[in-house]
Amino acid sequence: MVYSTYLGNGSWGQAIAVDQSGSAYVTGSTISPTFPTTPGAFQTRFGGGRPEITGDAFVTKFNKTGTELLYSSFLGGSRAEGGRGIAVDNSGNAFVTGSTESDNFPTKDAIQPSFAGGSQTNAFVTVLNATGSRLIFSTFLGGSGGHPPASLFAGGDVGNGIAVDSSGNILVTGITLSSDFPITKLAEDGSLNGPSDVFVTKITLHDAPALPADFTLAAASPTATVARGQSATYTLSVTLNGFNTAVSLACSGLPAGATCSFTPNPLTPAGSAATSTLTISTTAASAGILPPAFKPITPIYALWLPFSALGLLGLVVLPQRKPTRKSWLPSKEAALFLVVLFALVLGIACGGSSRTPSGGTGGNTTGTPVGTYTVVVSGASGSLQKTTSLTLTVQ
């Protein structure tokens, strides 16, 4: 035994296929919302209405050793589905058929876009891409149903087997109870012959042009409001449409004093979507502080300087008590000394309070200006570039 494993909870495996690398593709039905799915898979949430009563189809791909789910996805709408047949082409695309009761079963480029089964079932034919992340093609297939014989579990149309030829044409077989099942003009048998008949249908996809690889860029919530000095965060989503190249993110239109960063950046594709968190940081206003060398002189301490100078002047000019009569006027040298000293004292006392550092204004910063701004986020990969606009309000 190479490997053997359980899969799911309240689930039924109905069909299996193997690709060239040995990976196994399984389909069936499940009534369990906790059936194992993988990140980035096409449908990761159970859509089958009431658990344990109605279920979804599933499509699961194992690696060749059976030790890992390469992808696993629900497949269905709000009512009951079951996968009954599966095939795989050389590119790893999975072709699935089965039955559905849901009028909202997922479709893409459908040859029959609407459910026609009334209270019964229609067959479905669905093609998943190689990573299980998106639909390449999906359609209803059936009529309005009929009255099933007692041996049948349910009425309606059911796809039981599927194959794909070398040209990519899809061949489906199953059972129909519908007299209005879609039949071509040159069909071998153009009418329902009993309560139920086999159907064989061939679908060609050559007229459905392949979409070029692309991606889209959007924000979950494109507006944010912050106070100056705080940071705003946005969640950006890159949706990948067949894209498998890293996407680099950048921003423009930031207000003064603001910066932006992305986590992660660049985004590496994984499944059908990837997300990155954008953080825009703003700066608060601040008042500068003068260095100690430029601290103003307090006026009360400056007042004593001129009075000290006057005292020195008095000591010099007062007459000396001497026996001979002389003039009380000071000498020229003493007078010059006092004038210089008085001017120096006045300069220190009056001029010190207005001194600031050379080339500065005391260190004041205004911060990020208040206002509402449009920030443009761009995503680029090779020649492709996408943008989305965000609104930032700074209070």
Protein backbone atom coordinates (compact mmCIF):
# COMPACT_ATOMS: atom_id res chain seq x y z
CA MET A 1 0.00 0.00 0.00
CA VAL A 2 1.53 3.30 -1.10
CA TYR A 3 -0.89 5.50 0.83
CA SER A 4 -4.40 5.49 2.33
CA THR A 5 -6.13 8.40 4.04
CA TYR A 6 -9.43 9.73 5.33
CA LEU A 7 -10.93 12.87 3.79
CA GLY A 8 -13.68 14.99 5.31
CA ASN A 9 -16.48 14.50 7.79
CA GLY A 10 -19.92 13.41 6.58
CA SER A 11 -18.64 13.12 3.00
CA TRP A 12 -18.86 10.73 0.04
CA GLY A 13 -16.21 10.17 -2.61
CA GLN A 14 -17.75 9.40 -6.01
CA ALA A 15 -15.01 9.66 -8.66
CA ILE A 16 -11.24 9.92 -9.03
CA ALA A 17 -8.72 10.83 -11.76
CA VAL A 18 -4.92 10.96 -11.92
CA ASP A 19 -2.68 13.38 -13.82
CA GLN A 20 0.71 12.77 -15.46
CA SER A 21 2.60 13.56 -12.23
CA GLY A 22 0.62 11.05 -10.18
CA SER A 23 -1.53 13.60 -8.31
CA ALA A 24 -5.06 12.37 -7.52
CA TYR A 25 -8.21 14.42 -8.15
CA VAL A 26 -11.31 13.42 -6.16
CA THR A 27 -14.91 14.61 -6.30
CA GLY A 28 -18.02 13.74 -4.38
CA SER A 29 -20.40 15.40 -1.92
CA THR A 30 -20.19 16.64 1.65
CA ILE A 31 -22.67 17.87 4.25
CA SER A 32 -19.90 19.20 6.48
CA PRO A 33 -19.09 22.93 6.72
CA THR A 34 -15.72 21.85 8.16
CA PHE A 35 -14.72 19.79 5.13
CA PRO A 36 -10.99 20.60 4.60
CA THR A 37 -10.34 23.39 2.11
CA THR A 38 -7.10 25.16 1.22
CA PRO A 39 -6.29 28.90 1.23
CA GLY A 40 -6.90 30.50 -2.15
CA ALA A 41 -9.21 27.73 -3.34
CA PHE A 42 -12.16 28.74 -5.52
CA GLN A 43 -14.83 28.21 -2.80
CA THR A 44 -13.61 27.90 0.78
CA ARG A 45 -17.01 28.36 2.48
CA PHE A 46 -19.78 25.79 2.63
CA GLY A 47 -22.73 26.97 0.56
CA GLY A 48 -25.02 23.96 0.86
CA GLY A 49 -27.87 25.39 2.86
CA ARG A 50 -28.62 23.33 5.97
CA PRO A 51 -25.71 21.19 7.20
CA GLU A 52 -26.51 17.46 7.55
CA ILE A 53 -29.50 17.86 5.22
CA THR A 54 -28.20 19.38 1.99
CA GLY A 55 -24.57 19.52 0.92
CA ASP A 56 -22.02 20.74 -1.59
CA ALA A 57 -19.92 18.99 -4.16
CA PHE A 58 -16.18 19.12 -3.53
CA VAL A 59 -13.04 18.89 -5.64
CA THR A 60 -9.77 17.90 -3.93
CA LYS A 61 -6.28 17.38 -5.35
CA PHE A 62 -3.70 15.27 -3.47
CA ASN A 63 0.03 15.21 -4.11
CA LYS A 64 1.41 11.96 -5.51
CA THR A 65 2.27 10.56 -2.07
CA GLY A 66 -1.12 11.38 -0.55
CA THR A 67 0.51 13.41 2.23
CA GLU A 68 -0.73 16.88 1.25
CA LEU A 69 -3.78 18.62 -0.20
CA LEU A 70 -2.55 20.65 -3.17
CA TYR A 71 -5.98 22.25 -3.27
CA SER A 72 -9.44 21.52 -1.95
CA SER A 73 -12.64 23.42 -2.69
CA PHE A 74 -16.37 23.29 -2.15
CA LEU A 75 -18.44 23.51 -5.34
CA GLY A 76 -22.07 24.49 -5.00
CA GLY A 77 -24.86 26.90 -4.30
CA SER A 78 -27.38 27.22 -1.49
CA ARG A 79 -29.03 23.79 -1.96
CA ALA A 80 -27.76 20.29 -2.63
CA GLU A 81 -24.94 19.29 -5.02
CA GLY A 82 -22.94 16.15 -5.62
CA GLY A 83 -19.88 15.55 -7.77
CA ARG A 84 -20.08 12.22 -9.63
CA GLY A 85 -17.46 12.30 -12.38
CA ILE A 86 -14.03 13.89 -12.80
CA ALA A 87 -11.29 14.05 -15.46
CA VAL A 88 -8.05 15.98 -15.84
CA ASP A 89 -6.22 17.30 -18.92
CA ASN A 90 -2.50 17.63 -19.62
CA SER A 91 -2.45 21.15 -18.09
CA GLY A 92 -3.87 19.94 -14.76
CA ASN A 93 -7.31 21.48 -15.27
CA ALA A 94 -10.05 19.45 -13.55
CA PHE A 95 -13.32 18.63 -15.37
CA VAL A 96 -16.20 17.78 -13.02
CA THR A 97 -19.81 16.71 -13.52
CA GLY A 98 -22.63 15.88 -11.12
CA SER A 99 -26.01 17.24 -10.07
CA THR A 100 -27.32 20.41 -8.45
CA GLU A 101 -30.58 21.70 -6.99
CA SER A 102 -29.26 25.27 -6.64
CA ASP A 103 -30.34 28.06 -8.97
CA ASN A 104 -27.24 29.96 -7.78
CA PHE A 105 -24.73 27.24 -8.62
CA PRO A 106 -21.56 29.04 -9.84
CA THR A 107 -21.40 29.40 -13.63
CA LYS A 108 -18.94 30.90 -16.12
CA ASP A 109 -19.33 31.25 -19.91
CA ALA A 110 -22.26 28.84 -19.57
CA ILE A 111 -24.03 27.22 -22.51
CA GLN A 112 -27.04 26.98 -20.15
CA PRO A 113 -26.74 29.83 -17.64
CA SER A 114 -30.01 29.19 -15.75
CA PHE A 115 -31.28 26.32 -13.61
CA ALA A 116 -34.20 24.53 -15.34
CA GLY A 117 -34.88 21.67 -12.94
CA GLY A 118 -37.70 23.15 -10.90
CA SER A 119 -37.92 21.09 -7.71
CA GLN A 120 -35.58 18.47 -9.16
CA THR A 121 -31.96 18.48 -10.33
CA ASN A 122 -29.93 19.58 -13.31
CA ALA A 123 -26.56 18.19 -14.25
CA PHE A 124 -23.58 20.54 -14.08
CA VAL A 125 -20.31 20.61 -15.99
CA THR A 126 -17.47 22.61 -14.42
CA VAL A 127 -13.80 23.14 -15.27
CA LEU A 128 -11.37 24.31 -12.54
CA ASN A 129 -7.93 25.69 -13.35
CA ALA A 130 -4.74 23.85 -12.38
CA THR A 131 -4.48 25.53 -8.95
CA GLY A 132 -8.16 25.10 -8.09
CA SER A 133 -8.47 28.83 -7.59
CA ARG A 134 -10.91 29.84 -10.34
CA LEU A 135 -13.46 28.56 -12.83
CA ILE A 136 -12.50 28.23 -16.47
CA PHE A 137 -15.99 27.11 -17.47
CA SER A 138 -19.17 26.09 -15.65
CA THR A 139 -22.72 25.44 -16.86
CA PHE A 140 -26.04 23.87 -15.97
CA LEU A 141 -27.10 20.98 -18.22
CA GLY A 142 -30.68 19.68 -18.12
CA GLY A 143 -34.40 20.17 -18.45
CA SER A 144 -37.39 20.42 -16.16
CA GLY A 145 -37.22 16.84 -14.86
CA GLY A 146 -39.97 14.26 -14.62
CA HIS A 147 -41.35 11.50 -12.44
CA PRO A 148 -38.53 9.17 -11.37
CA PRO A 149 -39.03 5.43 -11.12
CA ALA A 150 -38.93 3.95 -7.63
CA SER A 151 -35.38 2.67 -8.20
CA LEU A 152 -33.97 6.21 -8.51
CA PHE A 153 -32.95 8.24 -5.45
CA ALA A 154 -34.17 11.52 -6.90
CA GLY A 155 -35.69 12.96 -10.04
CA GLY A 156 -34.05 15.23 -12.56
CA ASP A 157 -30.82 15.16 -14.55
CA VAL A 158 -27.49 13.90 -13.23
CA GLY A 159 -24.02 13.86 -14.79
CA ASN A 160 -22.27 10.60 -13.90
CA GLY A 161 -19.17 10.49 -16.11
CA ILE A 162 -16.91 12.97 -17.88
CA ALA A 163 -13.92 12.88 -20.25
CA VAL A 164 -11.83 15.38 -22.17
CA ASP A 165 -10.27 14.74 -25.58
CA SER A 166 -6.96 15.95 -26.98
CA SER A 167 -8.63 19.05 -28.43
CA GLY A 168 -10.09 20.08 -25.08
CA ASN A 169 -13.65 19.03 -25.91
CA ILE A 170 -15.71 17.84 -22.94
CA LEU A 171 -17.79 14.66 -23.16
CA VAL A 172 -20.41 14.00 -20.47
CA THR A 173 -22.81 11.15 -19.80
CA GLY A 174 -25.49 10.61 -17.20
CA ILE A 175 -29.20 10.17 -16.66
CA THR A 176 -32.12 12.43 -17.56
CA LEU A 177 -35.81 12.38 -16.76
CA SER A 178 -36.47 15.50 -18.83
CA SER A 179 -38.36 15.46 -22.09
CA ASP A 180 -36.95 18.94 -22.70
CA PHE A 181 -33.30 18.03 -22.09
CA PRO A 182 -31.17 20.08 -24.54
CA ILE A 183 -30.79 18.01 -27.74
CA THR A 184 -29.04 18.98 -30.99
CA LYS A 185 -30.86 18.89 -34.32
CA LEU A 186 -28.94 15.97 -35.78
CA ALA A 187 -29.00 13.89 -32.58
CA GLU A 188 -29.05 10.09 -32.94
CA ASP A 189 -32.18 10.01 -30.75
CA GLY A 190 -34.15 13.20 -30.31
CA SER A 191 -36.80 12.13 -27.78
CA LEU A 192 -37.15 10.73 -24.27
CA ASN A 193 -38.14 7.06 -24.58
CA GLY A 194 -38.93 6.12 -20.99
CA PRO A 195 -39.09 7.49 -17.47
CA SER A 196 -35.33 7.93 -17.74
CA ASP A 197 -32.78 7.90 -20.54
CA VAL A 198 -29.02 8.10 -20.82
CA PHE A 199 -27.67 11.33 -22.24
CA VAL A 200 -24.34 11.89 -24.00
CA THR A 201 -23.25 15.49 -24.55
CA LYS A 202 -20.16 16.99 -26.17
CA ILE A 203 -19.19 20.57 -25.33
CA THR A 204 -16.49 22.52 -27.16
CA LEU A 205 -14.74 25.48 -25.55
CA HIS A 206 -12.76 26.71 -28.56
CA ASP A 207 -15.02 29.74 -29.01
CA ALA A 208 -14.50 30.88 -25.41
CA PRO A 209 -11.38 33.07 -25.67
CA ALA A 210 -8.80 32.68 -22.95
CA LEU A 211 -8.55 35.77 -20.79
CA PRO A 212 -5.07 37.34 -20.53
CA ALA A 213 -3.34 37.12 -17.18
CA ASP A 214 -4.20 40.19 -15.12
CA PHE A 215 -4.68 41.46 -11.58
CA THR A 216 -6.82 44.04 -9.79
CA LEU A 217 -5.93 46.27 -6.83
CA ALA A 218 -8.45 47.51 -4.24
CA ALA A 219 -8.71 48.58 -0.59
CA ALA A 220 -11.14 46.92 1.82
CA SER A 221 -11.86 50.32 3.42
CA PRO A 222 -10.41 53.26 1.45
CA THR A 223 -10.84 56.00 4.11
CA ALA A 224 -9.08 56.68 7.42
CA THR A 225 -8.97 59.57 9.92
CA VAL A 226 -6.08 60.15 12.36
CA ALA A 227 -4.70 62.87 14.62
CA ARG A 228 -1.29 64.31 13.82
CA GLY A 229 1.40 61.96 15.07
CA GLN A 230 -0.75 58.84 14.64
CA SER A 231 -0.68 56.13 11.93
CA ALA A 232 -3.46 55.05 9.55
CA THR A 233 -3.70 51.48 8.23
CA TYR A 234 -5.42 50.15 5.10
CA THR A 235 -5.85 46.55 3.90
CA LEU A 236 -5.08 46.20 0.20
CA SER A 237 -6.26 43.23 -1.82
CA VAL A 238 -4.68 42.05 -5.06
CA THR A 239 -6.98 39.72 -6.99
CA LEU A 240 -5.12 37.51 -9.41
CA ASN A 241 -6.71 36.43 -12.69
CA GLY A 242 -4.31 33.81 -13.95
CA PHE A 243 -1.43 35.98 -12.76
CA ASN A 244 1.69 34.38 -11.25
CA THR A 245 4.23 37.21 -11.00
CA ALA A 246 5.11 39.28 -7.91
CA VAL A 247 3.36 42.67 -7.63
CA SER A 248 5.34 45.64 -6.21
CA LEU A 249 3.41 48.31 -4.29
CA ALA A 250 4.12 52.04 -3.92
CA CYS A 251 2.24 55.17 -2.80
CA SER A 252 2.14 58.83 -3.84
CA GLY A 253 0.30 62.01 -2.81
CA LEU A 254 1.34 61.86 0.86
CA PRO A 255 1.08 65.08 2.89
CA ALA A 256 4.23 66.75 4.25
CA GLY A 257 5.79 64.89 7.15
CA ALA A 258 4.10 61.56 6.33
CA THR A 259 5.60 58.24 5.21
CA CYS A 260 4.13 54.95 3.96
CA SER A 261 5.11 51.28 4.21
CA PHE A 262 3.61 47.98 2.98
CA THR A 263 3.67 44.59 4.70
CA PRO A 264 4.45 42.47 2.74
CA ASN A 265 5.92 44.11 -0.33
CA PRO A 266 6.15 42.85 -3.02
CA LEU A 267 3.14 40.54 -3.00
CA THR A 268 3.80 37.01 -4.21
CA PRO A 269 0.72 35.38 -5.79
CA ALA A 270 -0.77 32.47 -3.85
CA GLY A 271 -4.13 31.20 -5.07
CA SER A 272 -6.61 33.75 -6.39
CA ALA A 273 -5.87 36.69 -4.06
CA ALA A 274 -3.24 38.21 -1.79
CA THR A 275 -3.34 41.04 0.78
CA SER A 276 -0.92 43.64 2.10
CA THR A 277 -1.24 46.13 4.98
CA LEU A 278 -0.41 49.77 4.17
CA THR A 279 0.65 51.95 7.11
CA ILE A 280 0.77 55.75 6.68
CA SER A 281 2.61 57.47 9.56
CA THR A 282 2.14 61.18 10.29
CA THR A 283 4.18 63.55 12.52
CA ALA A 284 2.94 65.72 15.36
CA ALA A 285 3.73 69.41 15.79
CA SER A 286 6.44 70.17 18.39
CA ALA A 287 7.89 73.34 20.02
CA GLY A 288 11.67 73.70 19.92
CA ILE A 289 13.82 74.16 23.08
CA LEU A 290 16.74 76.61 23.07
CA PRO A 291 20.14 75.10 23.89
CA PRO A 292 21.59 76.05 27.33
CA ALA A 293 24.21 78.34 25.76
CA PHE A 294 21.41 80.56 24.39
CA LYS A 295 19.18 80.76 27.44
CA PRO A 296 18.01 84.38 27.90
CA ILE A 297 19.38 86.36 30.82
CA THR A 298 16.68 86.97 33.41
CA PRO A 299 16.09 90.75 33.64
CA ILE A 300 16.25 90.84 37.48
CA TYR A 301 19.86 89.63 37.39
CA ALA A 302 20.82 92.09 34.65
CA LEU A 303 19.70 95.15 36.63
CA TRP A 304 22.59 95.06 39.10
CA LEU A 305 25.20 95.50 36.38
CA PRO A 306 24.61 99.18 35.54
CA PHE A 307 24.30 100.04 39.24
CA SER A 308 27.66 98.37 39.89
CA ALA A 309 29.18 100.43 37.11
CA LEU A 310 27.83 103.64 38.69
CA GLY A 311 29.38 102.60 41.97
CA LEU A 312 32.78 102.16 40.35
CA LEU A 313 32.38 105.57 38.74
CA GLY A 314 31.74 107.13 42.12
CA LEU A 315 34.86 105.61 43.60
CA VAL A 316 36.96 107.09 40.85
CA VAL A 317 35.50 110.58 40.67
CA LEU A 318 34.98 111.38 44.35
CA PRO A 319 37.64 113.83 45.58
CA GLN A 320 40.41 112.53 47.85
CA ARG A 321 40.91 114.02 51.30
CA LYS A 322 44.36 115.58 50.94
CA PRO A 323 45.94 118.60 52.52
CA THR A 324 46.45 120.35 49.21
CA ARG A 325 43.56 121.64 47.06
CA LYS A 326 43.25 119.75 43.76
CA SER A 327 40.56 119.29 41.12
CA TRP A 328 38.08 116.42 41.75
CA LEU A 329 37.87 115.60 38.04
CA PRO A 330 39.30 112.16 37.13
CA SER A 331 42.17 111.69 34.78
CA LYS A 332 41.56 111.12 31.08
CA GLU A 333 42.62 107.48 31.37
CA ALA A 334 40.18 106.82 34.22
CA ALA A 335 37.31 108.46 32.35
CA LEU A 336 37.97 106.40 29.22
CA PHE A 337 38.05 103.20 31.30
CA LEU A 338 34.66 104.01 32.86
CA VAL A 339 33.02 104.76 29.50
CA VAL A 340 34.17 101.44 28.05
CA LEU A 341 33.11 99.54 31.14
CA PHE A 342 29.65 101.13 31.17
CA ALA A 343 29.06 100.33 27.47
CA LEU A 344 30.11 96.72 28.01
CA VAL A 345 27.74 96.32 30.95
CA LEU A 346 24.80 97.76 29.04
CA GLY A 347 25.48 95.44 26.08
CA ILE A 348 25.42 92.35 28.26
CA ALA A 349 22.34 93.41 30.21
CA CYS A 350 20.22 94.43 27.23
CA GLY A 351 21.36 92.21 24.35
CA GLY A 352 21.56 88.75 25.91
CA SER A 353 17.86 88.01 25.93
CA SER A 354 17.38 87.98 22.14
CA ARG A 355 20.17 85.64 21.09
CA THR A 356 19.21 82.50 19.10
CA PRO A 357 21.22 79.77 17.35
CA SER A 358 22.65 80.72 13.99
CA GLY A 359 20.36 79.80 11.11
CA GLY A 360 17.50 78.47 13.33
CA THR A 361 14.18 79.47 14.85
CA GLY A 362 14.47 77.66 18.15
CA GLY A 363 13.78 74.14 16.64
CA ASN A 364 9.99 74.42 16.04
CA THR A 365 8.34 71.74 13.72
CA THR A 366 4.82 72.12 12.36
CA GLY A 367 4.21 68.36 11.80
CA THR A 368 1.87 66.94 9.17
CA PRO A 369 -0.59 69.69 8.14
CA VAL A 370 -4.25 69.25 9.04
CA GLY A 371 -6.42 68.41 6.03
CA THR A 372 -7.89 65.73 3.78
CA TYR A 373 -5.59 64.09 1.23
CA THR A 374 -5.93 61.64 -1.67
CA VAL A 375 -3.21 58.99 -1.57
CA VAL A 376 -2.69 56.91 -4.71
CA VAL A 377 -1.47 53.33 -4.30
CA SER A 378 0.03 51.66 -7.36
CA GLY A 379 0.80 48.01 -8.01
CA ALA A 380 3.22 47.11 -10.77
CA SER A 381 4.43 43.87 -12.32
CA GLY A 382 6.28 44.00 -15.59
CA SER A 383 4.30 46.14 -18.03
CA LEU A 384 1.08 45.89 -15.98
CA GLN A 385 0.22 48.64 -13.50
CA LYS A 386 -2.94 49.17 -11.46
CA THR A 387 -3.88 51.99 -9.08
CA THR A 388 -6.41 52.63 -6.36
CA SER A 389 -7.13 55.86 -4.43
CA LEU A 390 -7.35 56.22 -0.65
CA THR A 391 -8.59 59.12 1.47
CA LEU A 392 -6.54 60.24 4.50
CA THR A 393 -7.90 62.87 6.89
CA VAL A 394 -5.42 64.42 9.36
CA GLN A 395 -6.93 66.28 12.31
